[in-house]
């Protein structure tokens, strides 16, 4: 394999460029990732599933507050005897109804810094993972095309699949740590105790808990992303050579392919979280 790809960029330069991009992306996207994890990990509210209290219930319990607790999360639900007349009978600051509501409640009740919870773990995981992933993808795609092991149309899909499968295996323990920091908002000291307890119970293999769902999410995402990216980029680029692709075309192609891949693999992301 050559030391440089056809564009004249060495593997070391690819790793530096992808690592720098990972830092910038993490700084801007971590708040959205925190909100996504919180929305996915919260349990459905049983308040909307409760039927209005009957007349007998209202007559019998007008002097007391009846509290129900949802097993597992211990969320108190106050059943108001006046039924629909009490529109604001229950407020839960940890219950999110949407993306904007989650942003507002997290900032109001936990502070703006919470939106960047898990950022150190994200950087420790994302920078090497992105460097390994993009460099492996470029090198694998060049190898497959040079050896004619697959067609130019399917080479991005195969290279993306293999590169992501290896990356997921390497960074899976850090992904577990990052998800705990974002979903449970635990301190780093508590996180260390959680990791030690997990290792004591299930051994070191427990750190790869969730590898299967993560691979089911990331590997198809990578395959779909790179296949659509190269396809859309070639359409937008027209007859011009690939090494003359503008930044705008690459940006649009990446956005479209990322949106399609994210929509198709979102159910696996919910399962993984």
C-alpha atoms as a PDB file:
ATOM      1  CA  UNK A   1       0.000   0.000   0.000  1.00  0.00           C
ATOM      2  CA  UNK A   2       1.319   3.442  -0.857  1.00  0.00           C
ATOM      3  CA  UNK A   3       2.322   5.867   1.873  1.00  0.00           C
ATOM      4  CA  UNK A   4       0.058   8.503   0.358  1.00  0.00           C
ATOM      5  CA  UNK A   5      -3.366   8.359  -1.210  1.00  0.00           C
ATOM      6  CA  UNK A   6      -4.020   9.701  -4.706  1.00  0.00           C
ATOM      7  CA  UNK A   7      -4.789  13.132  -3.266  1.00  0.00           C
ATOM      8  CA  UNK A   8      -1.286  13.420  -1.797  1.00  0.00           C
ATOM      9  CA  UNK A   9      -2.324  13.150   1.863  1.00  0.00           C
ATOM     10  CA  UNK A  10      -0.383  10.786   4.095  1.00  0.00           C
ATOM     11  CA  UNK A  11      -2.076   8.618   6.757  1.00  0.00           C
ATOM     12  CA  UNK A  12      -0.541  10.814   9.475  1.00  0.00           C
ATOM     13  CA  UNK A  13      -2.050  13.930   7.909  1.00  0.00           C
ATOM     14  CA  UNK A  14      -5.407  12.163   7.671  1.00  0.00           C
ATOM     15  CA  UNK A  15      -5.276  11.312  11.387  1.00  0.00           C
ATOM     16  CA  UNK A  16      -4.380  14.883  12.385  1.00  0.00           C
ATOM     17  CA  UNK A  17      -7.117  16.392  10.210  1.00  0.00           C
ATOM     18  CA  UNK A  18      -9.815  13.987  11.386  1.00  0.00           C
ATOM     19  CA  UNK A  19      -8.759  14.399  15.035  1.00  0.00           C
ATOM     20  CA  UNK A  20      -8.995  18.199  14.812  1.00  0.00           C
ATOM     21  CA  UNK A  21     -12.404  17.886  13.202  1.00  0.00           C
ATOM     22  CA  UNK A  22     -13.523  15.575  16.005  1.00  0.00           C
ATOM     23  CA  UNK A  23     -12.588  18.169  18.653  1.00  0.00           C
ATOM     24  CA  UNK A  24     -14.565  20.946  16.949  1.00  0.00           C
ATOM     25  CA  UNK A  25     -17.549  18.669  16.329  1.00  0.00           C
ATOM     26  CA  UNK A  26     -17.612  17.451  19.942  1.00  0.00           C
ATOM     27  CA  UNK A  27     -17.640  20.989  21.329  1.00  0.00           C
ATOM     28  CA  UNK A  28     -20.675  21.950  19.252  1.00  0.00           C
ATOM     29  CA  UNK A  29     -22.577  18.656  19.245  1.00  0.00           C
ATOM     30  CA  UNK A  30     -22.208  17.426  22.856  1.00  0.00           C
ATOM     31  CA  UNK A  31     -25.213  19.488  24.110  1.00  0.00           C
ATOM     32  CA  UNK A  32     -27.411  17.953  21.420  1.00  0.00           C
ATOM     33  CA  UNK A  33     -26.065  14.514  22.276  1.00  0.00           C
ATOM     34  CA  UNK A  34     -26.837  15.027  25.985  1.00  0.00           C
ATOM     35  CA  UNK A  35     -30.413  16.068  25.156  1.00  0.00           C
ATOM     36  CA  UNK A  36     -30.799  13.074  22.827  1.00  0.00           C
ATOM     37  CA  UNK A  37     -29.603  10.627  25.476  1.00  0.00           C
ATOM     38  CA  UNK A  38     -31.900  12.145  28.119  1.00  0.00           C
ATOM     39  CA  UNK A  39     -34.930  11.946  25.824  1.00  0.00           C
ATOM     40  CA  UNK A  40     -34.175   8.353  24.868  1.00  0.00           C
ATOM     41  CA  UNK A  41     -33.446   7.112  28.385  1.00  0.00           C
ATOM     42  CA  UNK A  42     -36.445   8.613  30.205  1.00  0.00           C
ATOM     43  CA  UNK A  43     -39.358   6.353  30.919  1.00  0.00           C
ATOM     44  CA  UNK A  44     -42.824   7.027  29.496  1.00  0.00           C
ATOM     45  CA  UNK A  45     -44.989   9.073  31.809  1.00  0.00           C
ATOM     46  CA  UNK A  46     -47.898   7.227  33.327  1.00  0.00           C
ATOM     47  CA  UNK A  47     -49.710  10.478  34.075  1.00  0.00           C
ATOM     48  CA  UNK A  48     -51.214  10.611  30.585  1.00  0.00           C
ATOM     49  CA  UNK A  49     -52.311   6.991  30.849  1.00  0.00           C
ATOM     50  CA  UNK A  50     -54.360   7.448  34.035  1.00  0.00           C
ATOM     51  CA  UNK A  51     -58.094   7.722  33.598  1.00  0.00           C
ATOM     52  CA  UNK A  52     -59.911  10.658  35.257  1.00  0.00           C
ATOM     53  CA  UNK A  53     -60.932   9.820  38.843  1.00  0.00           C
ATOM     54  CA  UNK A  54     -64.440   8.538  39.278  1.00  0.00           C
ATOM     55  CA  UNK A  55     -67.083  10.319  41.343  1.00  0.00           C
ATOM     56  CA  UNK A  56     -66.644   7.823  44.191  1.00  0.00           C
ATOM     57  CA  UNK A  57     -62.871   8.469  44.207  1.00  0.00           C
ATOM     58  CA  UNK A  58     -63.425  12.231  44.374  1.00  0.00           C
ATOM     59  CA  UNK A  59     -65.893  11.992  47.241  1.00  0.00           C
ATOM     60  CA  UNK A  60     -63.733   9.654  49.266  1.00  0.00           C
ATOM     61  CA  UNK A  61     -60.362  11.387  48.945  1.00  0.00           C
ATOM     62  CA  UNK A  62     -61.072  15.121  48.828  1.00  0.00           C
ATOM     63  CA  UNK A  63     -59.074  15.711  52.037  1.00  0.00           C
ATOM     64  CA  UNK A  64     -55.967  13.693  51.190  1.00  0.00           C
ATOM     65  CA  UNK A  65     -53.322  13.607  48.506  1.00  0.00           C
ATOM     66  CA  UNK A  66     -52.994  10.211  46.903  1.00  0.00           C
ATOM     67  CA  UNK A  67     -49.452   9.535  45.691  1.00  0.00           C
ATOM     68  CA  UNK A  68     -48.591   6.772  43.259  1.00  0.00           C
ATOM     69  CA  UNK A  69     -45.000   5.726  42.632  1.00  0.00           C
ATOM     70  CA  UNK A  70     -43.727   4.354  39.371  1.00  0.00           C
ATOM     71  CA  UNK A  71     -41.562   1.382  40.300  1.00  0.00           C
ATOM     72  CA  UNK A  72     -37.935   1.910  39.344  1.00  0.00           C
ATOM     73  CA  UNK A  73     -37.882   5.692  39.198  1.00  0.00           C
ATOM     74  CA  UNK A  74     -40.038   6.626  42.207  1.00  0.00           C
ATOM     75  CA  UNK A  75     -41.912   9.454  40.490  1.00  0.00           C
ATOM     76  CA  UNK A  76     -44.745  10.810  42.685  1.00  0.00           C
ATOM     77  CA  UNK A  77     -48.021  11.446  40.884  1.00  0.00           C
ATOM     78  CA  UNK A  78     -50.589  13.575  42.737  1.00  0.00           C
ATOM     79  CA  UNK A  79     -54.119  12.634  41.729  1.00  0.00           C
ATOM     80  CA  UNK A  80     -56.132  15.826  41.980  1.00  0.00           C
ATOM     81  CA  UNK A  81     -59.754  15.260  43.053  1.00  0.00           C
ATOM     82  CA  UNK A  82     -60.913  18.084  40.753  1.00  0.00           C
ATOM     83  CA  UNK A  83     -59.818  16.214  37.631  1.00  0.00           C
ATOM     84  CA  UNK A  84     -59.476  18.477  34.567  1.00  0.00           C
ATOM     85  CA  UNK A  85     -60.040  21.715  36.540  1.00  0.00           C
ATOM     86  CA  UNK A  86     -56.487  21.500  37.870  1.00  0.00           C
ATOM     87  CA  UNK A  87     -54.445  21.945  34.727  1.00  0.00           C
ATOM     88  CA  UNK A  88     -51.138  22.385  36.572  1.00  0.00           C
ATOM     89  CA  UNK A  89     -51.576  19.644  39.132  1.00  0.00           C
ATOM     90  CA  UNK A  90     -48.217  17.988  38.457  1.00  0.00           C
ATOM     91  CA  UNK A  91     -44.856  19.402  37.417  1.00  0.00           C
ATOM     92  CA  UNK A  92     -41.806  17.192  37.024  1.00  0.00           C
ATOM     93  CA  UNK A  93     -38.599  19.090  36.200  1.00  0.00           C
ATOM     94  CA  UNK A  94     -36.976  15.881  34.983  1.00  0.00           C
ATOM     95  CA  UNK A  95     -39.749  15.019  32.513  1.00  0.00           C
ATOM     96  CA  UNK A  96     -39.031  16.286  29.005  1.00  0.00           C
ATOM     97  CA  UNK A  97     -41.688  16.730  26.337  1.00  0.00           C
ATOM     98  CA  UNK A  98     -39.334  17.628  23.500  1.00  0.00           C
ATOM     99  CA  UNK A  99     -35.928  18.892  22.466  1.00  0.00           C
ATOM    100  CA  UNK A 100     -36.507  22.544  23.368  1.00  0.00           C
ATOM    101  CA  UNK A 101     -38.158  21.604  26.665  1.00  0.00           C
ATOM    102  CA  UNK A 102     -35.164  19.412  27.529  1.00  0.00           C
ATOM    103  CA  UNK A 103     -32.711  22.235  26.802  1.00  0.00           C
ATOM    104  CA  UNK A 104     -34.646  24.702  28.970  1.00  0.00           C
ATOM    105  CA  UNK A 105     -35.169  22.328  31.917  1.00  0.00           C
ATOM    106  CA  UNK A 106     -31.588  21.056  31.953  1.00  0.00           C
ATOM    107  CA  UNK A 107     -30.192  24.601  31.978  1.00  0.00           C
ATOM    108  CA  UNK A 108     -32.734  25.800  34.563  1.00  0.00           C
ATOM    109  CA  UNK A 109     -32.492  22.926  37.048  1.00  0.00           C
ATOM    110  CA  UNK A 110     -28.982  21.553  36.487  1.00  0.00           C
ATOM    111  CA  UNK A 111     -27.007  24.422  35.010  1.00  0.00           C
ATOM    112  CA  UNK A 112     -25.682  25.099  31.530  1.00  0.00           C
ATOM    113  CA  UNK A 113     -22.499  23.104  32.212  1.00  0.00           C
ATOM    114  CA  UNK A 114     -24.595  19.936  32.321  1.00  0.00           C
ATOM    115  CA  UNK A 115     -25.091  20.234  28.560  1.00  0.00           C
ATOM    116  CA  UNK A 116     -21.389  19.467  28.213  1.00  0.00           C
ATOM    117  CA  UNK A 117     -21.416  16.606  30.730  1.00  0.00           C
ATOM    118  CA  UNK A 118     -19.220  13.789  29.556  1.00  0.00           C
ATOM    119  CA  UNK A 119     -17.219  16.100  27.269  1.00  0.00           C
ATOM    120  CA  UNK A 120     -13.798  14.888  28.537  1.00  0.00           C
ATOM    121  CA  UNK A 121     -14.856  11.268  27.997  1.00  0.00           C
ATOM    122  CA  UNK A 122     -16.294  12.262  24.627  1.00  0.00           C
ATOM    123  CA  UNK A 123     -13.014  13.865  23.570  1.00  0.00           C
ATOM    124  CA  UNK A 124     -10.964  10.945  24.856  1.00  0.00           C
ATOM    125  CA  UNK A 125     -13.194   8.602  22.888  1.00  0.00           C
ATOM    126  CA  UNK A 126     -13.987  10.683  19.807  1.00  0.00           C
ATOM    127  CA  UNK A 127     -10.556  12.004  18.849  1.00  0.00           C
ATOM    128  CA  UNK A 128      -8.760   8.638  18.563  1.00  0.00           C
ATOM    129  CA  UNK A 129     -11.907   6.910  17.290  1.00  0.00           C
ATOM    130  CA  UNK A 130     -12.400   9.472  14.523  1.00  0.00           C
ATOM    131  CA  UNK A 131      -8.728   9.412  13.596  1.00  0.00           C
ATOM    132  CA  UNK A 132      -8.736   5.609  13.410  1.00  0.00           C
ATOM    133  CA  UNK A 133     -12.080   5.493  11.612  1.00  0.00           C
ATOM    134  CA  UNK A 134     -11.437   8.022   8.835  1.00  0.00           C
ATOM    135  CA  UNK A 135      -7.871   6.920   8.245  1.00  0.00           C
ATOM    136  CA  UNK A 136      -8.922   3.267   8.091  1.00  0.00           C
ATOM    137  CA  UNK A 137     -11.764   4.146   5.734  1.00  0.00           C
ATOM    138  CA  UNK A 138      -9.526   6.034   3.300  1.00  0.00           C
ATOM    139  CA  UNK A 139      -6.846   3.360   3.317  1.00  0.00           C
ATOM    140  CA  UNK A 140      -9.354   0.497   2.958  1.00  0.00           C
ATOM    141  CA  UNK A 141     -11.194   2.212   0.113  1.00  0.00           C
ATOM    142  CA  UNK A 142      -7.922   2.832  -1.750  1.00  0.00           C
ATOM    143  CA  UNK A 143      -6.857  -0.768  -1.152  1.00  0.00           C
ATOM    144  CA  UNK A 144     -10.157  -2.186  -2.418  1.00  0.00           C
ATOM    145  CA  UNK A 145     -10.136   0.015  -5.516  1.00  0.00           C
ATOM    146  CA  UNK A 146      -6.472  -0.630  -6.367  1.00  0.00           C
ATOM    147  CA  UNK A 147      -6.825  -4.408  -6.012  1.00  0.00           C
ATOM    148  CA  UNK A 148     -10.176  -4.419  -7.831  1.00  0.00           C
ATOM    149  CA  UNK A 149     -11.657  -6.479  -4.983  1.00  0.00           C
ATOM    150  CA  UNK A 150     -14.974  -4.677  -5.413  1.00  0.00           C
ATOM    151  CA  UNK A 151     -16.485  -2.111  -7.753  1.00  0.00           C
ATOM    152  CA  UNK A 152     -15.944   1.601  -7.208  1.00  0.00           C
ATOM    153  CA  UNK A 153     -19.649   1.929  -6.387  1.00  0.00           C
ATOM    154  CA  UNK A 154     -19.587  -0.507  -3.447  1.00  0.00           C
ATOM    155  CA  UNK A 155     -16.027   0.103  -2.222  1.00  0.00           C
ATOM    156  CA  UNK A 156     -17.130   2.978   0.105  1.00  0.00           C
ATOM    157  CA  UNK A 157     -19.790   0.742   1.675  1.00  0.00           C
ATOM    158  CA  UNK A 158     -17.402  -2.142   2.326  1.00  0.00           C
ATOM    159  CA  UNK A 159     -14.620   0.141   3.588  1.00  0.00           C
ATOM    160  CA  UNK A 160     -17.024   2.023   5.874  1.00  0.00           C
ATOM    161  CA  UNK A 161     -18.381  -1.221   7.317  1.00  0.00           C
ATOM    162  CA  UNK A 162     -14.953  -2.663   8.122  1.00  0.00           C
ATOM    163  CA  UNK A 163     -13.573   0.623   9.479  1.00  0.00           C
ATOM    164  CA  UNK A 164     -16.548   1.200  11.788  1.00  0.00           C
ATOM    165  CA  UNK A 165     -16.616  -2.384  13.045  1.00  0.00           C
ATOM    166  CA  UNK A 166     -13.009  -2.124  14.204  1.00  0.00           C
ATOM    167  CA  UNK A 167     -13.513   1.332  15.719  1.00  0.00           C
ATOM    168  CA  UNK A 168     -16.605   0.265  17.684  1.00  0.00           C
ATOM    169  CA  UNK A 169     -14.677  -2.618  19.235  1.00  0.00           C
ATOM    170  CA  UNK A 170     -11.799  -0.381  20.315  1.00  0.00           C
ATOM    171  CA  UNK A 171     -13.839   2.472  21.843  1.00  0.00           C
ATOM    172  CA  UNK A 172     -16.829   0.537  23.242  1.00  0.00           C
ATOM    173  CA  UNK A 173     -15.711   0.876  26.921  1.00  0.00           C
ATOM    174  CA  UNK A 174     -15.358   4.655  26.536  1.00  0.00           C
ATOM    175  CA  UNK A 175     -18.787   4.812  24.898  1.00  0.00           C
ATOM    176  CA  UNK A 176     -20.263   3.072  27.961  1.00  0.00           C
ATOM    177  CA  UNK A 177     -18.592   5.605  30.273  1.00  0.00           C
ATOM    178  CA  UNK A 178     -19.791   8.564  28.198  1.00  0.00           C
ATOM    179  CA  UNK A 179     -23.386   7.339  28.102  1.00  0.00           C
ATOM    180  CA  UNK A 180     -23.452   6.921  31.898  1.00  0.00           C
ATOM    181  CA  UNK A 181     -22.137  10.462  32.389  1.00  0.00           C
ATOM    182  CA  UNK A 182     -24.793  11.931  30.094  1.00  0.00           C
ATOM    183  CA  UNK A 183     -27.794   9.812  31.035  1.00  0.00           C
ATOM    184  CA  UNK A 184     -27.335   9.588  34.820  1.00  0.00           C
ATOM    185  CA  UNK A 185     -25.382  12.826  35.456  1.00  0.00           C
ATOM    186  CA  UNK A 186     -23.023  11.113  37.901  1.00  0.00           C
ATOM    187  CA  UNK A 187     -19.753  12.593  39.111  1.00  0.00           C
ATOM    188  CA  UNK A 188     -16.401  11.246  37.980  1.00  0.00           C
ATOM    189  CA  UNK A 189     -15.800   9.746  41.432  1.00  0.00           C
ATOM    190  CA  UNK A 190     -19.147   7.937  41.297  1.00  0.00           C
ATOM    191  CA  UNK A 191     -18.373   6.869  37.743  1.00  0.00           C
ATOM    192  CA  UNK A 192     -15.140   5.212  38.871  1.00  0.00           C
ATOM    193  CA  UNK A 193     -17.072   3.287  41.508  1.00  0.00           C
ATOM    194  CA  UNK A 194     -19.644   2.210  38.893  1.00  0.00           C
ATOM    195  CA  UNK A 195     -16.928   0.939  36.558  1.00  0.00           C
ATOM    196  CA  UNK A 196     -15.169  -0.944  39.369  1.00  0.00           C
ATOM    197  CA  UNK A 197     -18.459  -2.511  40.467  1.00  0.00           C
ATOM    198  CA  UNK A 198     -19.256  -3.549  36.896  1.00  0.00           C
ATOM    199  CA  UNK A 199     -15.832  -5.157  36.477  1.00  0.00           C
ATOM    200  CA  UNK A 200     -16.169  -6.911  39.843  1.00  0.00           C
ATOM    201  CA  UNK A 201     -19.558  -8.372  38.883  1.00  0.00           C
ATOM    202  CA  UNK A 202     -19.050  -9.295  35.254  1.00  0.00           C
ATOM    203  CA  UNK A 203     -15.321  -9.059  34.644  1.00  0.00           C
ATOM    204  CA  UNK A 204     -13.636  -6.920  32.024  1.00  0.00           C
ATOM    205  CA  UNK A 205     -16.077  -8.154  29.382  1.00  0.00           C
ATOM    206  CA  UNK A 206     -18.778  -6.082  31.078  1.00  0.00           C
ATOM    207  CA  UNK A 207     -17.061  -2.926  29.779  1.00  0.00           C
ATOM    208  CA  UNK A 208     -18.145  -4.015  26.310  1.00  0.00           C
ATOM    209  CA  UNK A 209     -21.767  -4.122  27.429  1.00  0.00           C
ATOM    210  CA  UNK A 210     -23.849  -2.756  24.588  1.00  0.00           C
ATOM    211  CA  UNK A 211     -21.302  -3.631  21.902  1.00  0.00           C
ATOM    212  CA  UNK A 212     -23.953  -5.514  19.937  1.00  0.00           C
ATOM    213  CA  UNK A 213     -26.538  -2.688  19.771  1.00  0.00           C
ATOM    214  CA  UNK A 214     -23.753  -0.166  19.170  1.00  0.00           C
ATOM    215  CA  UNK A 215     -22.451  -2.193  16.247  1.00  0.00           C
ATOM    216  CA  UNK A 216     -25.993  -2.610  14.923  1.00  0.00           C
ATOM    217  CA  UNK A 217     -26.308   1.179  14.963  1.00  0.00           C
ATOM    218  CA  UNK A 218     -22.848   2.315  13.817  1.00  0.00           C
ATOM    219  CA  UNK A 219     -21.953  -0.286  11.202  1.00  0.00           C
ATOM    220  CA  UNK A 220     -25.127   0.129   9.068  1.00  0.00           C
ATOM    221  CA  UNK A 221     -24.864   3.905   9.579  1.00  0.00           C
ATOM    222  CA  UNK A 222     -21.313   3.908   8.289  1.00  0.00           C
ATOM    223  CA  UNK A 223     -22.159   1.723   5.303  1.00  0.00           C
ATOM    224  CA  UNK A 224     -25.181   3.833   4.346  1.00  0.00           C
ATOM    225  CA  UNK A 225     -23.362   7.104   4.980  1.00  0.00           C
ATOM    226  CA  UNK A 226     -20.316   6.449   2.804  1.00  0.00           C
ATOM    227  CA  UNK A 227     -22.324   4.825   0.016  1.00  0.00           C
ATOM    228  CA  UNK A 228     -24.712   7.797  -0.192  1.00  0.00           C
ATOM    229  CA  UNK A 229     -21.925  10.328   0.364  1.00  0.00           C
ATOM    230  CA  UNK A 230     -19.824   9.170  -2.561  1.00  0.00           C
ATOM    231  CA  UNK A 231     -22.927   8.756  -4.723  1.00  0.00           C
ATOM    232  CA  UNK A 232     -24.360  12.224  -3.988  1.00  0.00           C
ATOM    233  CA  UNK A 233     -20.939  13.841  -4.295  1.00  0.00           C
ATOM    234  CA  UNK A 234     -20.427  12.315  -7.726  1.00  0.00           C
ATOM    235  CA  UNK A 235     -23.852  13.569  -8.826  1.00  0.00           C
ATOM    236  CA  UNK A 236     -23.173  17.101  -7.588  1.00  0.00           C
ATOM    237  CA  UNK A 237     -19.615  17.151  -8.863  1.00  0.00           C
ATOM    238  CA  UNK A 238     -20.622  16.243 -12.413  1.00  0.00           C
ATOM    239  CA  UNK A 239     -17.850  15.629 -14.940  1.00  0.00           C
ATOM    240  CA  UNK A 240     -15.152  17.265 -12.799  1.00  0.00           C
ATOM    241  CA  UNK A 241     -12.406  15.023 -11.307  1.00  0.00           C
ATOM    242  CA  UNK A 242     -12.883  13.802  -7.754  1.00  0.00           C
ATOM    243  CA  UNK A 243      -9.840  15.691  -6.484  1.00  0.00           C
ATOM    244  CA  UNK A 244     -11.466  18.970  -7.566  1.00  0.00           C
ATOM    245  CA  UNK A 245     -14.563  18.600  -5.393  1.00  0.00           C
ATOM    246  CA  UNK A 246     -15.391  21.864  -3.624  1.00  0.00           C
ATOM    247  CA  UNK A 247     -15.976  22.195   0.115  1.00  0.00           C
ATOM    248  CA  UNK A 248     -19.601  23.180  -0.498  1.00  0.00           C
ATOM    249  CA  UNK A 249     -20.323  20.013  -2.486  1.00  0.00           C
ATOM    250  CA  UNK A 250     -18.689  17.846   0.197  1.00  0.00           C
ATOM    251  CA  UNK A 251     -20.698  19.643   2.907  1.00  0.00           C
ATOM    252  CA  UNK A 252     -24.037  19.168   1.119  1.00  0.00           C
ATOM    253  CA  UNK A 253     -23.275  15.537   0.265  1.00  0.00           C
ATOM    254  CA  UNK A 254     -22.290  14.820   3.861  1.00  0.00           C
ATOM    255  CA  UNK A 255     -25.426  16.475   5.225  1.00  0.00           C
ATOM    256  CA  UNK A 256     -27.784  14.578   2.944  1.00  0.00           C
ATOM    257  CA  UNK A 257     -26.112  11.201   3.446  1.00  0.00           C
ATOM    258  CA  UNK A 258     -25.864  11.717   7.219  1.00  0.00           C
ATOM    259  CA  UNK A 259     -29.556  12.606   7.477  1.00  0.00           C
ATOM    260  CA  UNK A 260     -30.637   9.531   5.513  1.00  0.00           C
ATOM    261  CA  UNK A 261     -28.365   7.202   7.497  1.00  0.00           C
ATOM    262  CA  UNK A 262     -29.457   8.698  10.840  1.00  0.00           C
ATOM    263  CA  UNK A 263     -33.161   8.282  10.072  1.00  0.00           C
ATOM    264  CA  UNK A 264     -32.734   4.643   9.052  1.00  0.00           C
ATOM    265  CA  UNK A 265     -30.562   3.672  12.045  1.00  0.00           C
ATOM    266  CA  UNK A 266     -32.271   5.736  14.804  1.00  0.00           C
ATOM    267  CA  UNK A 267     -34.185   2.717  16.248  1.00  0.00           C
ATOM    268  CA  UNK A 268     -30.858   0.965  16.909  1.00  0.00           C
ATOM    269  CA  UNK A 269     -29.605   4.133  18.646  1.00  0.00           C
ATOM    270  CA  UNK A 270     -32.613   4.088  21.002  1.00  0.00           C
ATOM    271  CA  UNK A 271     -31.988   0.406  21.810  1.00  0.00           C
ATOM    272  CA  UNK A 272     -28.284   1.053  22.445  1.00  0.00           C
ATOM    273  CA  UNK A 273     -29.000   3.943  24.851  1.00  0.00           C
END
